[in-house]
C-alpha atoms as a PDB file:
ATOM      1  CA  MET A   1       0.000   0.000   0.000  1.00  0.00           C
ATOM      2  CA  LYS A   2       1.308   3.434  -0.920  1.00  0.00           C
ATOM      3  CA  TYR A   3       1.485   6.160   1.705  1.00  0.00           C
ATOM      4  CA  ALA A   4       2.271   9.788   1.025  1.00  0.00           C
ATOM      5  CA  PHE A   5       4.918  11.528   3.085  1.00  0.00           C
ATOM      6  CA  PRO A   6       5.706  15.112   2.121  1.00  0.00           C
ATOM      7  CA  GLU A   7       8.635  15.190  -0.309  1.00  0.00           C
ATOM      8  CA  GLN A   8       9.870  18.242   1.562  1.00  0.00           C
ATOM      9  CA  VAL A   9       9.580  18.964   5.280  1.00  0.00           C
ATOM     10  CA  LYS A  10      10.877  21.799   7.428  1.00  0.00           C
ATOM     11  CA  THR A  11      11.843  21.112  11.006  1.00  0.00           C
ATOM     12  CA  ASP A  12      12.864  23.846  13.437  1.00  0.00           C
ATOM     13  CA  ARG A  13      16.316  24.153  11.865  1.00  0.00           C
ATOM     14  CA  LEU A  14      16.453  21.879   8.830  1.00  0.00           C
ATOM     15  CA  LEU A  15      15.007  21.243   5.411  1.00  0.00           C
ATOM     16  CA  LEU A  16      14.389  17.570   4.617  1.00  0.00           C
ATOM     17  CA  ARG A  17      13.759  16.818   0.952  1.00  0.00           C
ATOM     18  CA  LYS A  18      13.456  13.929  -1.450  1.00  0.00           C
ATOM     19  CA  PRO A  19      16.851  13.009  -2.987  1.00  0.00           C
ATOM     20  CA  ARG A  20      17.745  14.225  -6.488  1.00  0.00           C
ATOM     21  CA  LEU A  21      20.407  12.862  -8.820  1.00  0.00           C
ATOM     22  CA  GLU A  22      22.161  16.222  -8.476  1.00  0.00           C
ATOM     23  CA  ASP A  23      22.812  15.269  -4.838  1.00  0.00           C
ATOM     24  CA  ALA A  24      25.269  12.559  -5.889  1.00  0.00           C
ATOM     25  CA  GLU A  25      28.379  14.584  -5.036  1.00  0.00           C
ATOM     26  CA  ASP A  26      27.070  15.447  -1.553  1.00  0.00           C
ATOM     27  CA  VAL A  27      25.851  11.896  -0.911  1.00  0.00           C
ATOM     28  CA  PHE A  28      29.223  10.546  -2.004  1.00  0.00           C
ATOM     29  CA  ALA A  29      31.053  13.022   0.267  1.00  0.00           C
ATOM     30  CA  ILE A  30      29.048  11.821   3.281  1.00  0.00           C
ATOM     31  CA  GLU A  31      28.892   8.113   2.427  1.00  0.00           C
ATOM     32  CA  SER A  32      32.584   7.874   1.461  1.00  0.00           C
ATOM     33  CA  ASP A  33      33.909   9.594   4.582  1.00  0.00           C
ATOM     34  CA  PRO A  34      35.673   6.980   6.751  1.00  0.00           C
ATOM     35  CA  GLU A  35      34.568   8.741   9.946  1.00  0.00           C
ATOM     36  CA  THR A  36      30.856   8.681   9.058  1.00  0.00           C
ATOM     37  CA  ASN A  37      31.147   5.018   8.100  1.00  0.00           C
ATOM     38  CA  ARG A  38      33.094   3.786  11.107  1.00  0.00           C
ATOM     39  CA  TYR A  39      30.217   1.476  12.117  1.00  0.00           C
ATOM     40  CA  ARG A  40      28.855   0.620   8.649  1.00  0.00           C
ATOM     41  CA  PRO A  41      29.509  -3.059   7.794  1.00  0.00           C
ATOM     42  CA  ALA A  42      30.061  -2.342   4.090  1.00  0.00           C
ATOM     43  CA  GLY A  43      32.453   0.489   4.882  1.00  0.00           C
ATOM     44  CA  PRO A  44      32.724   3.765   2.998  1.00  0.00           C
ATOM     45  CA  MET A  45      31.293   4.194  -0.486  1.00  0.00           C
ATOM     46  CA  LYS A  46      33.954   3.809  -3.188  1.00  0.00           C
ATOM     47  CA  SER A  47      32.677   5.891  -6.111  1.00  0.00           C
ATOM     48  CA  LYS A  48      30.270   8.583  -7.191  1.00  0.00           C
ATOM     49  CA  LYS A  49      28.646   5.919  -9.393  1.00  0.00           C
ATOM     50  CA  GLU A  50      27.691   4.101  -6.168  1.00  0.00           C
ATOM     51  CA  ALA A  51      26.115   7.319  -4.862  1.00  0.00           C
ATOM     52  CA  ILE A  52      24.047   7.674  -8.037  1.00  0.00           C
ATOM     53  CA  LYS A  53      22.876   4.062  -7.751  1.00  0.00           C
ATOM     54  CA  MET A  54      21.942   4.636  -4.091  1.00  0.00           C
ATOM     55  CA  ILE A  55      19.982   7.795  -4.926  1.00  0.00           C
ATOM     56  CA  GLU A  56      18.143   5.935  -7.687  1.00  0.00           C
ATOM     57  CA  GLU A  57      17.232   3.229  -5.162  1.00  0.00           C
ATOM     58  CA  TRP A  58      16.016   5.838  -2.648  1.00  0.00           C
ATOM     59  CA  ARG A  59      13.962   7.576  -5.352  1.00  0.00           C
ATOM     60  CA  GLY A  60      12.492   4.177  -6.212  1.00  0.00           C
ATOM     61  CA  ASN A  61      11.383   3.831  -2.580  1.00  0.00           C
ATOM     62  CA  TRP A  62       9.587   7.161  -2.883  1.00  0.00           C
ATOM     63  CA  LEU A  63       7.936   6.083  -6.128  1.00  0.00           C
ATOM     64  CA  GLU A  64       6.889   2.649  -4.859  1.00  0.00           C
ATOM     65  CA  ASP A  65       5.967   3.445  -1.245  1.00  0.00           C
ATOM     66  CA  GLY A  66       5.342   7.195  -1.140  1.00  0.00           C
ATOM     67  CA  TYR A  67       8.129   7.765   1.404  1.00  0.00           C
ATOM     68  CA  GLY A  68      11.842   7.229   1.828  1.00  0.00           C
ATOM     69  CA  TYR A  69      15.075   8.817   2.926  1.00  0.00           C
ATOM     70  CA  TRP A  70      15.491  12.575   2.742  1.00  0.00           C
ATOM     71  CA  ILE A  71      18.494  14.723   1.989  1.00  0.00           C
ATOM     72  CA  VAL A  72      19.076  16.953   5.032  1.00  0.00           C
ATOM     73  CA  VAL A  73      19.910  20.571   4.247  1.00  0.00           C
ATOM     74  CA  LEU A  74      20.787  23.630   6.291  1.00  0.00           C
ATOM     75  CA  PRO A  75      18.221  25.966   4.687  1.00  0.00           C
ATOM     76  CA  ASP A  76      20.103  29.252   5.086  1.00  0.00           C
ATOM     77  CA  GLU A  77      23.298  27.919   3.545  1.00  0.00           C
ATOM     78  CA  LYS A  78      21.679  25.396   1.146  1.00  0.00           C
ATOM     79  CA  GLU A  79      24.343  22.968   2.391  1.00  0.00           C
ATOM     80  CA  VAL A  80      23.672  19.229   2.422  1.00  0.00           C
ATOM     81  CA  ILE A  81      24.700  17.904   5.831  1.00  0.00           C
ATOM     82  CA  GLY A  82      23.141  14.451   5.901  1.00  0.00           C
ATOM     83  CA  ILE A  83      20.815  11.708   4.750  1.00  0.00           C
ATOM     84  CA  ALA A  84      18.020  10.554   7.031  1.00  0.00           C
ATOM     85  CA  GLY A  85      14.512   9.225   7.184  1.00  0.00           C
ATOM     86  CA  VAL A  86      12.665   5.946   6.939  1.00  0.00           C
ATOM     87  CA  ARG A  87      12.130   3.329   4.272  1.00  0.00           C
ATOM     88  CA  ARG A  88      10.502  -0.074   4.075  1.00  0.00           C
ATOM     89  CA  ILE A  89      12.781  -3.092   4.282  1.00  0.00           C
ATOM     90  CA  SER A  90      12.261  -6.783   4.974  1.00  0.00           C
ATOM     91  CA  TRP A  91      13.762  -7.948   8.267  1.00  0.00           C
ATOM     92  CA  ARG A  92      13.216 -11.356   9.864  1.00  0.00           C
ATOM     93  CA  GLY A  93      10.597 -12.057   7.219  1.00  0.00           C
ATOM     94  CA  GLU A  94       8.554  -8.967   8.128  1.00  0.00           C
ATOM     95  CA  ASP A  95       8.028  -5.621   6.448  1.00  0.00           C
ATOM     96  CA  VAL A  96       9.500  -2.997   8.765  1.00  0.00           C
ATOM     97  CA  ILE A  97      10.310   0.682   8.565  1.00  0.00           C
ATOM     98  CA  ASN A  98      14.063   1.201   8.879  1.00  0.00           C
ATOM     99  CA  LEU A  99      15.169   4.436  10.561  1.00  0.00           C
ATOM    100  CA  TYR A 100      18.375   5.746   9.014  1.00  0.00           C
ATOM    101  CA  TYR A 101      20.549   8.774   9.701  1.00  0.00           C
ATOM    102  CA  ARG A 102      24.038   9.593   8.529  1.00  0.00           C
ATOM    103  CA  PHE A 103      25.528  13.069   8.797  1.00  0.00           C
ATOM    104  CA  SER A 104      28.721  14.828   7.813  1.00  0.00           C
ATOM    105  CA  PRO A 105      31.107  15.047  10.797  1.00  0.00           C
ATOM    106  CA  LYS A 106      30.873  18.855  10.680  1.00  0.00           C
ATOM    107  CA  ALA A 107      27.166  18.479  11.566  1.00  0.00           C
ATOM    108  CA  TRP A 108      27.754  16.185  14.557  1.00  0.00           C
ATOM    109  CA  GLY A 109      26.973  17.294  18.091  1.00  0.00           C
ATOM    110  CA  LYS A 110      24.311  19.823  17.094  1.00  0.00           C
ATOM    111  CA  GLY A 111      21.230  17.634  17.537  1.00  0.00           C
ATOM    112  CA  TYR A 112      20.460  17.454  13.805  1.00  0.00           C
ATOM    113  CA  ALA A 113      20.268  13.650  13.759  1.00  0.00           C
ATOM    114  CA  SER A 114      17.868  13.628  16.719  1.00  0.00           C
ATOM    115  CA  GLU A 115      15.728  16.354  15.151  1.00  0.00           C
ATOM    116  CA  THR A 116      15.501  14.526  11.834  1.00  0.00           C
ATOM    117  CA  ALA A 117      14.991  11.074  13.362  1.00  0.00           C
ATOM    118  CA  ALA A 118      12.181  12.338  15.626  1.00  0.00           C
ATOM    119  CA  CYS A 119      10.439  13.880  12.611  1.00  0.00           C
ATOM    120  CA  ALA A 120      10.757  10.660  10.596  1.00  0.00           C
ATOM    121  CA  VAL A 121       9.531   8.441  13.448  1.00  0.00           C
ATOM    122  CA  ASP A 122       6.609  10.761  14.123  1.00  0.00           C
ATOM    123  CA  MET A 123       5.543  10.593  10.465  1.00  0.00           C
ATOM    124  CA  ALA A 124       5.977   6.828  10.398  1.00  0.00           C
ATOM    125  CA  ARG A 125       3.843   6.402  13.509  1.00  0.00           C
ATOM    126  CA  THR A 126       1.182   8.736  12.096  1.00  0.00           C
ATOM    127  CA  LYS A 127       1.013   7.383   8.550  1.00  0.00           C
ATOM    128  CA  LEU A 128       2.367   3.831   8.886  1.00  0.00           C
ATOM    129  CA  SER A 129       1.131   2.845  12.331  1.00  0.00           C
ATOM    130  CA  ASP A 130       0.606  -0.776  11.287  1.00  0.00           C
ATOM    131  CA  ILE A 131       4.289  -1.314  10.387  1.00  0.00           C
ATOM    132  CA  PRO A 132       7.027  -1.577  13.062  1.00  0.00           C
ATOM    133  CA  VAL A 133       9.769   1.060  13.041  1.00  0.00           C
ATOM    134  CA  LEU A 134      13.256  -0.013  13.976  1.00  0.00           C
ATOM    135  CA  ALA A 135      16.886   1.001  14.066  1.00  0.00           C
ATOM    136  CA  ARG A 136      19.690  -1.582  14.093  1.00  0.00           C
ATOM    137  CA  ILE A 137      22.833  -0.118  15.597  1.00  0.00           C
ATOM    138  CA  ARG A 138      26.311  -1.463  16.309  1.00  0.00           C
ATOM    139  CA  PRO A 139      26.818  -1.918  20.090  1.00  0.00           C
ATOM    140  CA  ILE A 140      29.839   0.397  20.124  1.00  0.00           C
ATOM    141  CA  ASN A 141      27.908   3.257  18.422  1.00  0.00           C
ATOM    142  CA  THR A 142      26.497   4.847  21.567  1.00  0.00           C
ATOM    143  CA  ALA A 143      25.806   8.209  19.910  1.00  0.00           C
ATOM    144  CA  SER A 144      23.494   6.564  17.373  1.00  0.00           C
ATOM    145  CA  GLN A 145      21.758   4.609  20.125  1.00  0.00           C
ATOM    146  CA  LYS A 146      20.996   7.877  21.936  1.00  0.00           C
ATOM    147  CA  VAL A 147      19.516   9.316  18.723  1.00  0.00           C
ATOM    148  CA  ALA A 148      17.259   6.265  18.356  1.00  0.00           C
ATOM    149  CA  GLU A 149      16.028   6.661  21.929  1.00  0.00           C
ATOM    150  CA  ARG A 150      15.466  10.412  21.517  1.00  0.00           C
ATOM    151  CA  SER A 151      13.401   9.688  18.407  1.00  0.00           C
ATOM    152  CA  GLY A 152      10.985   7.618  20.491  1.00  0.00           C
ATOM    153  CA  LEU A 153      12.255   4.121  19.742  1.00  0.00           C
ATOM    154  CA  MET A 154      12.666   1.752  22.678  1.00  0.00           C
ATOM    155  CA  ARG A 155      15.597  -0.546  23.344  1.00  0.00           C
ATOM    156  CA  ARG A 156      14.597  -4.111  22.444  1.00  0.00           C
ATOM    157  CA  PRO A 157      17.310  -6.580  23.585  1.00  0.00           C
ATOM    158  CA  ASP A 158      15.002  -9.435  22.594  1.00  0.00           C
ATOM    159  CA  LEU A 159      15.464  -8.387  18.946  1.00  0.00           C
ATOM    160  CA  ASP A 160      19.259  -7.960  19.058  1.00  0.00           C
ATOM    161  CA  THR A 161      21.508  -9.801  16.657  1.00  0.00           C
ATOM    162  CA  ALA A 162      25.155 -10.728  17.064  1.00  0.00           C
ATOM    163  CA  ASP A 163      26.110  -7.469  15.304  1.00  0.00           C
ATOM    164  CA  HIS A 164      23.362  -5.017  16.289  1.00  0.00           C
ATOM    165  CA  ARG A 165      21.394  -3.595  19.149  1.00  0.00           C
ATOM    166  CA  VAL A 166      17.802  -3.025  18.110  1.00  0.00           C
ATOM    167  CA  PHE A 167      15.528  -0.121  18.984  1.00  0.00           C
ATOM    168  CA  ALA A 168      11.902  -0.392  17.896  1.00  0.00           C
ATOM    169  CA  LEU A 169       8.305   0.742  18.074  1.00  0.00           C
ATOM    170  CA  GLY A 170       5.340  -1.448  17.208  1.00  0.00           C
ATOM    171  CA  TRP A 171       7.187  -4.773  17.059  1.00  0.00           C
ATOM    172  CA  GLY A 172       5.242  -7.492  18.827  1.00  0.00           C
ATOM    173  CA  VAL A 173       3.130  -5.115  20.879  1.00  0.00           C
END
């Protein structure tokens, strides 16, 4: 079933918008940075071609489901500082809404990830209340775990895997 999230949302300090192919350079800069990918199993992105493929996949999520990841922009400077939002994935044989946030190191420590994640979770709970929302986070990534909790997700040790701590809403409740 297709749901309609706004393709552009303003939070208190940020502009969240649907990805465009023109974002490939910014997406590559964020996704190829070793520091932003310290906890990502696949490691940093290797080429701009990979960024284009990723953006095409994200745009496909928007087309198919009516929602997906946003590009996060500082509105006054028009600077892309991150990628965040929710998209449908299959996990443990179930359709779930995956919460994702990755920001440029220069944007860290300012609460942007928490602001964006809270917005995404709120929309997911409002428009997709029948689908669980979750974030799977490496145990060592305590900053990301705090963002998940601030967004309203609850720690669910019963859903943990060998590689991830899981935070969720709507799973098995």
